[in-house]
N, C-alpha and C. Protein backbone atom coordinates (compact mmCIF):
# COMPACT_ATOMS: atom_id res chain seq x y z
N MET A 1 -206.20 -45.04 62.52
CA MET A 1 -206.72 -43.70 62.18
C MET A 1 -207.77 -43.91 61.02
N ASN A 2 -208.97 -43.30 61.22
CA ASN A 2 -209.90 -43.35 60.11
C ASN A 2 -209.97 -42.05 59.33
N GLU A 3 -210.67 -41.96 58.24
CA GLU A 3 -210.68 -40.78 57.37
C GLU A 3 -211.29 -39.60 58.01
N SER A 4 -212.19 -39.80 59.02
CA SER A 4 -212.85 -38.67 59.67
C SER A 4 -211.95 -38.00 60.74
N THR A 5 -210.85 -38.69 61.09
CA THR A 5 -209.96 -38.14 62.09
C THR A 5 -208.84 -37.52 61.38
N PRO A 6 -208.58 -36.17 61.61
CA PRO A 6 -207.46 -35.56 60.90
C PRO A 6 -206.13 -36.19 61.35
N GLY A 7 -205.26 -36.38 60.36
CA GLY A 7 -203.96 -36.92 60.65
C GLY A 7 -203.02 -35.87 61.26
N ILE A 8 -201.92 -36.31 61.76
CA ILE A 8 -200.97 -35.37 62.36
C ILE A 8 -200.52 -34.30 61.31
N GLU A 9 -200.20 -34.78 60.15
CA GLU A 9 -199.74 -33.88 59.10
C GLU A 9 -200.78 -32.85 58.73
N GLU A 10 -202.00 -33.28 58.64
CA GLU A 10 -203.11 -32.34 58.38
C GLU A 10 -203.32 -31.32 59.47
N ALA A 11 -203.15 -31.80 60.70
CA ALA A 11 -203.27 -30.83 61.85
C ALA A 11 -202.09 -29.84 61.83
N ARG A 12 -200.93 -30.29 61.48
CA ARG A 12 -199.76 -29.35 61.40
C ARG A 12 -200.02 -28.36 60.31
N MET A 13 -200.53 -28.76 59.16
CA MET A 13 -200.79 -27.83 58.04
C MET A 13 -201.88 -26.83 58.45
N ASP A 14 -202.90 -27.30 59.16
CA ASP A 14 -203.93 -26.32 59.62
C ASP A 14 -203.29 -25.30 60.58
N LEU A 15 -202.37 -25.71 61.45
CA LEU A 15 -201.72 -24.78 62.37
C LEU A 15 -200.80 -23.78 61.57
N VAL A 16 -200.08 -24.34 60.63
CA VAL A 16 -199.24 -23.39 59.79
C VAL A 16 -200.09 -22.42 59.03
N GLU A 17 -201.15 -22.90 58.43
CA GLU A 17 -202.01 -21.98 57.66
C GLU A 17 -202.68 -20.94 58.55
N THR A 18 -203.02 -21.34 59.77
CA THR A 18 -203.63 -20.40 60.74
C THR A 18 -202.60 -19.36 61.13
N ARG A 19 -201.37 -19.81 61.41
CA ARG A 19 -200.34 -18.85 61.79
C ARG A 19 -200.07 -17.87 60.65
N LEU A 20 -199.98 -18.32 59.49
CA LEU A 20 -199.79 -17.45 58.34
C LEU A 20 -200.97 -16.45 58.14
N ALA A 21 -202.16 -16.95 58.30
CA ALA A 21 -203.32 -16.12 58.19
C ALA A 21 -203.31 -14.99 59.29
N LEU A 22 -202.94 -15.34 60.41
CA LEU A 22 -202.98 -14.32 61.54
C LEU A 22 -201.80 -13.35 61.34
N ARG A 23 -200.69 -13.81 60.88
CA ARG A 23 -199.60 -12.86 60.53
C ARG A 23 -200.05 -11.91 59.48
N GLU A 24 -200.68 -12.44 58.40
CA GLU A 24 -201.13 -11.56 57.31
C GLU A 24 -202.20 -10.58 57.83
N LEU A 25 -203.08 -10.98 58.72
CA LEU A 25 -204.07 -10.11 59.29
C LEU A 25 -203.34 -8.88 59.95
N ALA A 26 -202.32 -9.18 60.74
CA ALA A 26 -201.59 -8.08 61.41
C ALA A 26 -200.87 -7.22 60.38
N GLU A 27 -200.27 -7.78 59.36
CA GLU A 27 -199.64 -6.95 58.32
C GLU A 27 -200.68 -6.18 57.46
N ARG A 28 -201.79 -6.75 57.22
CA ARG A 28 -202.84 -6.06 56.47
C ARG A 28 -203.29 -4.80 57.28
N TYR A 29 -203.49 -5.08 58.59
CA TYR A 29 -203.84 -3.91 59.49
C TYR A 29 -202.91 -2.76 59.30
N ALA A 30 -201.61 -3.06 59.43
CA ALA A 30 -200.52 -2.04 59.33
C ALA A 30 -200.56 -1.33 57.93
N ALA A 31 -200.74 -2.11 56.91
CA ALA A 31 -200.80 -1.57 55.55
C ALA A 31 -202.02 -0.65 55.37
N HIS A 32 -203.17 -1.08 55.80
CA HIS A 32 -204.43 -0.30 55.71
C HIS A 32 -204.31 0.99 56.50
N VAL A 33 -203.74 0.90 57.71
CA VAL A 33 -203.59 2.10 58.54
C VAL A 33 -202.70 3.11 57.79
N ASP A 34 -201.56 2.63 57.33
CA ASP A 34 -200.58 3.51 56.67
C ASP A 34 -201.16 4.15 55.39
N ARG A 35 -202.04 3.47 54.68
CA ARG A 35 -202.57 3.96 53.47
C ARG A 35 -203.93 4.70 53.71
N ARG A 36 -204.30 4.88 54.94
CA ARG A 36 -205.52 5.55 55.35
C ARG A 36 -206.74 4.90 54.73
N ARG A 37 -206.71 3.57 54.72
CA ARG A 37 -207.89 2.83 54.23
C ARG A 37 -208.75 2.46 55.48
N ASP A 38 -209.42 3.44 55.96
CA ASP A 38 -210.12 3.28 57.24
C ASP A 38 -211.19 2.29 57.24
N ALA A 39 -211.97 2.20 56.19
CA ALA A 39 -213.08 1.21 56.07
C ALA A 39 -212.49 -0.19 55.99
N GLU A 40 -211.45 -0.31 55.23
CA GLU A 40 -210.82 -1.64 55.17
C GLU A 40 -210.12 -2.07 56.46
N THR A 41 -209.58 -1.10 57.21
CA THR A 41 -209.00 -1.38 58.50
C THR A 41 -210.10 -1.89 59.45
N ALA A 42 -211.24 -1.17 59.46
CA ALA A 42 -212.32 -1.56 60.32
C ALA A 42 -212.89 -2.94 59.97
N ALA A 43 -212.85 -3.27 58.68
CA ALA A 43 -213.34 -4.64 58.18
C ALA A 43 -212.49 -5.76 58.66
N LEU A 44 -211.32 -5.48 59.23
CA LEU A 44 -210.49 -6.53 59.76
C LEU A 44 -210.95 -6.97 61.16
N PHE A 45 -211.95 -6.34 61.70
CA PHE A 45 -212.52 -6.59 63.04
C PHE A 45 -213.86 -7.27 62.85
N THR A 46 -214.27 -8.07 63.82
CA THR A 46 -215.62 -8.61 63.85
C THR A 46 -216.60 -7.41 63.93
N ALA A 47 -217.82 -7.68 63.65
CA ALA A 47 -218.87 -6.59 63.62
C ALA A 47 -218.89 -5.84 64.98
N ASP A 48 -218.71 -6.60 66.10
CA ASP A 48 -218.71 -5.93 67.40
C ASP A 48 -217.29 -5.95 68.00
N GLY A 49 -216.29 -6.00 67.14
CA GLY A 49 -214.90 -5.99 67.60
C GLY A 49 -214.52 -4.67 68.29
N SER A 50 -213.48 -4.75 69.09
CA SER A 50 -213.05 -3.53 69.83
C SER A 50 -211.56 -3.25 69.65
N LEU A 51 -211.27 -1.98 69.64
CA LEU A 51 -209.89 -1.52 69.59
C LEU A 51 -209.68 -0.70 70.84
N VAL A 52 -208.70 -1.05 71.63
CA VAL A 52 -208.43 -0.40 72.89
C VAL A 52 -206.97 0.10 72.83
N VAL A 53 -206.76 1.38 73.16
CA VAL A 53 -205.43 2.00 73.13
C VAL A 53 -204.99 2.26 74.56
N GLU A 54 -203.98 1.62 75.05
CA GLU A 54 -203.42 1.80 76.40
C GLU A 54 -202.10 2.51 76.39
N TRP A 55 -202.18 3.73 76.88
CA TRP A 55 -200.96 4.60 76.85
C TRP A 55 -200.11 4.46 78.12
N GLY A 56 -200.40 3.56 78.99
CA GLY A 56 -199.74 3.47 80.28
C GLY A 56 -199.99 4.63 81.15
N ASP A 57 -199.03 5.19 81.81
CA ASP A 57 -199.29 6.32 82.71
C ASP A 57 -199.35 7.68 82.01
N GLU A 58 -199.10 7.67 80.76
CA GLU A 58 -199.12 8.98 79.94
C GLU A 58 -200.54 9.59 79.86
N ARG A 59 -201.55 8.77 79.68
CA ARG A 59 -202.92 9.26 79.52
C ARG A 59 -203.85 8.04 79.67
N PRO A 60 -205.13 8.33 79.88
CA PRO A 60 -206.09 7.21 80.04
C PRO A 60 -206.26 6.39 78.78
N ALA A 61 -206.65 5.15 79.03
CA ALA A 61 -206.92 4.22 77.87
C ALA A 61 -208.23 4.66 77.14
N THR A 62 -208.23 4.35 75.86
CA THR A 62 -209.50 4.63 75.08
C THR A 62 -209.99 3.35 74.51
N ALA A 63 -211.29 3.13 74.45
CA ALA A 63 -211.86 1.94 73.90
C ALA A 63 -212.85 2.30 72.84
N THR A 64 -212.83 1.64 71.69
CA THR A 64 -213.76 1.84 70.59
C THR A 64 -214.31 0.47 70.23
N GLN A 65 -215.64 0.45 70.02
CA GLN A 65 -216.26 -0.87 69.68
C GLN A 65 -217.16 -0.74 68.48
N GLY A 66 -217.07 -1.72 67.61
CA GLY A 66 -217.84 -1.74 66.37
C GLY A 66 -217.10 -1.18 65.18
N ARG A 67 -217.38 -1.71 64.03
CA ARG A 67 -216.65 -1.24 62.83
C ARG A 67 -216.80 0.20 62.50
N ALA A 68 -217.96 0.76 62.63
CA ALA A 68 -218.17 2.17 62.30
C ALA A 68 -217.40 3.03 63.25
N ALA A 69 -217.31 2.73 64.48
CA ALA A 69 -216.58 3.51 65.46
C ALA A 69 -215.09 3.33 65.23
N ILE A 70 -214.60 2.14 64.92
CA ILE A 70 -213.19 1.96 64.60
C ILE A 70 -212.77 2.75 63.36
N GLU A 71 -213.61 2.69 62.37
CA GLU A 71 -213.33 3.47 61.15
C GLU A 71 -213.20 4.97 61.49
N ALA A 72 -214.08 5.47 62.30
CA ALA A 72 -214.12 6.88 62.65
C ALA A 72 -212.76 7.20 63.52
N THR A 73 -212.38 6.26 64.30
CA THR A 73 -211.25 6.51 65.24
C THR A 73 -209.93 6.58 64.31
N MET A 74 -209.93 5.82 63.22
CA MET A 74 -208.73 5.92 62.36
C MET A 74 -208.47 7.25 61.77
N LYS A 75 -209.54 8.15 61.70
CA LYS A 75 -209.41 9.49 61.19
C LYS A 75 -208.42 10.29 62.00
N SER A 76 -208.18 9.95 63.26
CA SER A 76 -207.26 10.65 64.10
C SER A 76 -205.82 10.65 63.50
N LEU A 77 -205.53 9.71 62.69
CA LEU A 77 -204.19 9.65 62.09
C LEU A 77 -204.04 10.63 60.94
N ASP A 78 -205.08 11.18 60.47
CA ASP A 78 -205.01 12.16 59.32
C ASP A 78 -204.13 13.37 59.66
N ARG A 79 -203.91 13.64 60.93
CA ARG A 79 -203.05 14.78 61.31
C ARG A 79 -201.55 14.60 60.92
N TYR A 80 -201.17 13.31 60.57
CA TYR A 80 -199.83 13.01 60.25
C TYR A 80 -199.70 13.06 58.71
N ARG A 81 -198.53 13.54 58.27
CA ARG A 81 -198.24 13.51 56.85
C ARG A 81 -198.14 12.09 56.31
N VAL A 82 -197.52 11.19 57.09
CA VAL A 82 -197.40 9.82 56.67
C VAL A 82 -197.10 9.02 57.98
N THR A 83 -197.49 7.75 57.91
CA THR A 83 -197.18 6.83 58.99
C THR A 83 -196.55 5.57 58.41
N ARG A 84 -195.80 4.84 59.23
CA ARG A 84 -195.23 3.57 58.84
C ARG A 84 -195.28 2.64 60.01
N HIS A 85 -196.04 1.59 59.92
CA HIS A 85 -196.21 0.58 60.98
C HIS A 85 -195.42 -0.69 60.54
N VAL A 86 -194.35 -1.00 61.23
CA VAL A 86 -193.55 -2.16 60.90
C VAL A 86 -193.79 -3.25 61.90
N ILE A 87 -194.33 -4.39 61.46
CA ILE A 87 -194.66 -5.53 62.27
C ILE A 87 -193.41 -6.37 62.51
N ALA A 88 -193.25 -6.81 63.72
CA ALA A 88 -192.07 -7.55 64.11
C ALA A 88 -192.59 -8.96 64.72
N ASN A 89 -192.14 -9.31 65.91
CA ASN A 89 -192.47 -10.62 66.53
C ASN A 89 -193.94 -10.74 66.60
N GLN A 90 -194.35 -11.99 66.42
CA GLN A 90 -195.77 -12.39 66.70
C GLN A 90 -195.78 -13.73 67.38
N LEU A 91 -196.33 -13.74 68.55
CA LEU A 91 -196.47 -15.00 69.33
C LEU A 91 -197.97 -15.31 69.41
N LEU A 92 -198.32 -16.56 69.21
CA LEU A 92 -199.70 -16.98 69.27
C LEU A 92 -199.91 -18.03 70.26
N ASP A 93 -201.08 -18.05 70.87
CA ASP A 93 -201.47 -19.02 71.92
C ASP A 93 -202.73 -19.68 71.46
N PHE A 94 -202.74 -20.98 71.18
CA PHE A 94 -203.89 -21.69 70.75
C PHE A 94 -204.46 -22.44 71.98
N SER A 95 -205.72 -22.24 72.27
CA SER A 95 -206.39 -22.94 73.35
C SER A 95 -207.75 -23.32 72.93
N GLY A 96 -207.87 -24.52 72.45
CA GLY A 96 -209.13 -24.99 71.90
C GLY A 96 -209.46 -24.24 70.64
N ASP A 97 -210.57 -23.57 70.55
CA ASP A 97 -211.00 -22.79 69.36
C ASP A 97 -210.49 -21.29 69.53
N ALA A 98 -210.03 -20.97 70.69
CA ALA A 98 -209.65 -19.56 70.95
C ALA A 98 -208.17 -19.35 70.57
N VAL A 99 -207.86 -18.23 69.96
CA VAL A 99 -206.51 -17.91 69.64
C VAL A 99 -206.29 -16.47 70.06
N ARG A 100 -205.20 -16.30 70.86
CA ARG A 100 -204.81 -15.01 71.38
C ARG A 100 -203.33 -14.82 70.90
N GLY A 101 -202.97 -13.61 70.74
CA GLY A 101 -201.66 -13.28 70.23
C GLY A 101 -201.02 -12.00 70.78
N GLU A 102 -199.72 -11.89 70.61
CA GLU A 102 -199.05 -10.68 70.93
C GLU A 102 -198.15 -10.37 69.74
N THR A 103 -198.33 -9.11 69.18
CA THR A 103 -197.52 -8.72 68.04
C THR A 103 -196.88 -7.37 68.30
N TYR A 104 -195.56 -7.36 68.07
CA TYR A 104 -194.75 -6.12 68.26
C TYR A 104 -194.87 -5.31 66.98
N CYS A 105 -194.75 -3.98 67.21
CA CYS A 105 -194.82 -3.06 66.14
C CYS A 105 -194.03 -1.80 66.51
N THR A 106 -193.33 -1.24 65.43
CA THR A 106 -192.76 0.11 65.58
C THR A 106 -193.54 1.00 64.61
N ALA A 107 -194.16 2.01 65.18
CA ALA A 107 -195.03 2.90 64.42
C ALA A 107 -194.45 4.31 64.37
N SER A 108 -194.08 4.73 63.17
CA SER A 108 -193.55 6.07 63.01
C SER A 108 -194.57 6.96 62.37
N HIS A 109 -194.70 8.19 62.91
CA HIS A 109 -195.70 9.12 62.52
C HIS A 109 -195.05 10.50 62.20
N VAL A 110 -194.99 10.86 60.92
CA VAL A 110 -194.27 12.08 60.45
C VAL A 110 -195.31 13.20 60.49
N TYR A 111 -194.93 14.34 61.03
CA TYR A 111 -195.81 15.53 61.04
C TYR A 111 -194.92 16.77 60.86
N ASP A 112 -195.57 17.84 60.48
CA ASP A 112 -194.87 19.11 60.26
C ASP A 112 -195.11 20.12 61.41
N THR A 113 -193.97 20.88 61.67
CA THR A 113 -194.08 21.96 62.65
C THR A 113 -193.44 23.19 62.02
N ALA A 114 -193.54 24.31 62.68
CA ALA A 114 -192.94 25.56 62.19
C ALA A 114 -191.40 25.44 62.08
N SER A 115 -190.85 24.55 62.96
CA SER A 115 -189.39 24.43 62.88
C SER A 115 -188.95 23.26 62.04
N GLY A 116 -189.84 22.65 61.30
CA GLY A 116 -189.47 21.53 60.38
C GLY A 116 -190.21 20.25 60.78
N PRO A 117 -190.03 19.21 59.90
CA PRO A 117 -190.72 17.96 60.15
C PRO A 117 -190.20 17.22 61.39
N ARG A 118 -191.11 16.52 61.98
CA ARG A 118 -190.71 15.73 63.17
C ARG A 118 -191.30 14.33 63.01
N VAL A 119 -190.80 13.38 63.80
CA VAL A 119 -191.35 12.00 63.80
C VAL A 119 -191.63 11.58 65.17
N PHE A 120 -192.84 11.11 65.40
CA PHE A 120 -193.34 10.52 66.67
C PHE A 120 -193.26 9.05 66.48
N ILE A 121 -192.42 8.34 67.31
CA ILE A 121 -192.22 6.90 67.15
C ILE A 121 -192.80 6.19 68.32
N MET A 122 -193.61 5.20 68.12
CA MET A 122 -194.25 4.42 69.21
C MET A 122 -193.74 2.97 69.12
N GLN A 123 -193.32 2.43 70.25
CA GLN A 123 -193.04 1.01 70.38
C GLN A 123 -194.32 0.37 71.00
N ILE A 124 -194.90 -0.51 70.20
CA ILE A 124 -196.27 -0.99 70.52
C ILE A 124 -196.18 -2.56 70.67
N ARG A 125 -196.99 -3.03 71.59
CA ARG A 125 -197.39 -4.46 71.65
C ARG A 125 -198.84 -4.59 71.41
N TYR A 126 -199.31 -5.27 70.49
CA TYR A 126 -200.77 -5.53 70.26
C TYR A 126 -201.09 -6.83 70.97
N ALA A 127 -202.05 -6.79 71.88
CA ALA A 127 -202.57 -8.00 72.53
C ALA A 127 -203.90 -8.29 71.82
N ASP A 128 -203.91 -9.34 71.00
CA ASP A 128 -205.06 -9.63 70.15
C ASP A 128 -205.80 -10.85 70.57
N THR A 129 -207.13 -10.75 70.37
CA THR A 129 -208.03 -11.94 70.45
C THR A 129 -208.60 -12.03 69.09
N PHE A 130 -208.45 -13.23 68.51
CA PHE A 130 -208.91 -13.47 67.11
C PHE A 130 -210.14 -14.32 67.12
N ALA A 131 -210.99 -14.10 66.06
CA ALA A 131 -212.18 -14.88 65.83
C ALA A 131 -212.15 -15.40 64.39
N HIS A 132 -212.68 -16.62 64.20
CA HIS A 132 -212.67 -17.15 62.86
C HIS A 132 -214.17 -17.44 62.50
N GLY A 133 -214.53 -17.04 61.29
CA GLY A 133 -215.88 -17.24 60.79
C GLY A 133 -215.89 -17.23 59.28
N GLY A 134 -217.05 -16.92 58.75
CA GLY A 134 -217.22 -16.90 57.32
C GLY A 134 -216.30 -16.00 56.53
N ASP A 135 -215.87 -14.96 57.22
CA ASP A 135 -214.92 -13.98 56.58
C ASP A 135 -213.46 -14.31 56.87
N GLY A 136 -213.18 -15.50 57.38
CA GLY A 136 -211.84 -15.87 57.72
C GLY A 136 -211.48 -15.37 59.13
N TRP A 137 -210.22 -15.10 59.40
CA TRP A 137 -209.74 -14.63 60.68
C TRP A 137 -209.90 -13.13 60.78
N LEU A 138 -210.42 -12.68 61.88
CA LEU A 138 -210.63 -11.27 62.20
C LEU A 138 -210.18 -10.98 63.59
N PHE A 139 -210.03 -9.68 63.90
CA PHE A 139 -209.76 -9.25 65.30
C PHE A 139 -211.09 -9.18 66.00
N ALA A 140 -211.22 -9.89 67.14
CA ALA A 140 -212.31 -9.68 68.03
C ALA A 140 -212.01 -8.49 68.99
N GLU A 141 -210.73 -8.48 69.34
CA GLU A 141 -210.22 -7.38 70.20
C GLU A 141 -208.76 -7.15 69.87
N ARG A 142 -208.45 -5.88 69.75
CA ARG A 142 -207.02 -5.53 69.51
C ARG A 142 -206.67 -4.45 70.57
N ARG A 143 -205.80 -4.80 71.49
CA ARG A 143 -205.35 -3.95 72.50
C ARG A 143 -203.95 -3.34 72.15
N LEU A 144 -203.88 -2.09 71.85
CA LEU A 144 -202.63 -1.43 71.42
C LEU A 144 -202.04 -0.93 72.75
N GLN A 145 -200.90 -1.59 73.16
CA GLN A 145 -200.20 -1.25 74.42
C GLN A 145 -198.92 -0.48 74.08
N VAL A 146 -198.88 0.76 74.48
CA VAL A 146 -197.66 1.58 74.16
C VAL A 146 -196.59 1.29 75.21
N ASP A 147 -195.47 0.72 74.79
CA ASP A 147 -194.35 0.50 75.72
C ASP A 147 -193.58 1.79 75.99
N TRP A 148 -193.23 2.54 74.90
CA TRP A 148 -192.58 3.85 75.02
C TRP A 148 -192.73 4.59 73.71
N THR A 149 -192.41 5.87 73.81
CA THR A 149 -192.52 6.71 72.62
C THR A 149 -191.29 7.63 72.58
N GLU A 150 -191.02 8.15 71.42
CA GLU A 150 -190.02 9.14 71.24
C GLU A 150 -190.49 10.14 70.20
N ASP A 151 -190.14 11.38 70.39
CA ASP A 151 -190.56 12.43 69.48
C ASP A 151 -189.27 13.27 69.16
N ARG A 152 -188.95 13.36 67.87
CA ARG A 152 -187.70 13.98 67.54
C ARG A 152 -187.76 14.62 66.14
N PRO A 153 -186.79 15.49 65.81
CA PRO A 153 -186.78 16.01 64.45
C PRO A 153 -186.55 14.90 63.45
N LEU A 154 -187.18 15.02 62.30
CA LEU A 154 -187.04 14.00 61.22
C LEU A 154 -185.74 14.35 60.50
N ASN A 155 -184.88 13.38 60.40
CA ASN A 155 -183.67 13.51 59.66
C ASN A 155 -183.96 13.00 58.24
N THR A 156 -183.84 13.84 57.24
CA THR A 156 -184.05 13.44 55.88
C THR A 156 -182.76 13.48 55.11
N ALA A 157 -182.55 12.49 54.25
CA ALA A 157 -181.34 12.47 53.41
C ALA A 157 -181.54 13.35 52.20
N ASP A 158 -180.49 14.07 51.84
CA ASP A 158 -180.51 14.88 50.58
C ASP A 158 -180.57 13.94 49.34
N ALA A 159 -181.33 14.30 48.38
CA ALA A 159 -181.38 13.54 47.19
C ALA A 159 -180.17 13.56 46.28
N GLU A 160 -179.28 14.51 46.58
CA GLU A 160 -178.10 14.66 45.72
C GLU A 160 -176.99 13.71 46.07
């Protein structure tokens, strides 16, 4: 092995660092969405990146492309008092320079009604295509696939 050929240990470390960076990208997306940092959320995508929401049979899919459009799309979450996106499993597929992944998420959306607060919960799988460049790892495409939803009264614990 010569110095210009990466060693096995170096290749493993690159893989570990990439996995950690992609996990952090997914977690950063969730945190930015929950804090309504719309511009920062959009900045996690490539300039021509796309966000596609697939509701299954419930309603037609929607596609948004480009950072400005993604930022504007995030405004739709303003109707909720608060949201919480919890990232779970993340599986990554490395094929040459291309990286694709699937990330599970439970997204809770609290909103108010005349009869009291409610929570709309989505079980989501994100099908992601990642791109690496000068800004590090970004989403080239993020497909939000809704597996199921539930809508129920919000149970709140008394502070006493």
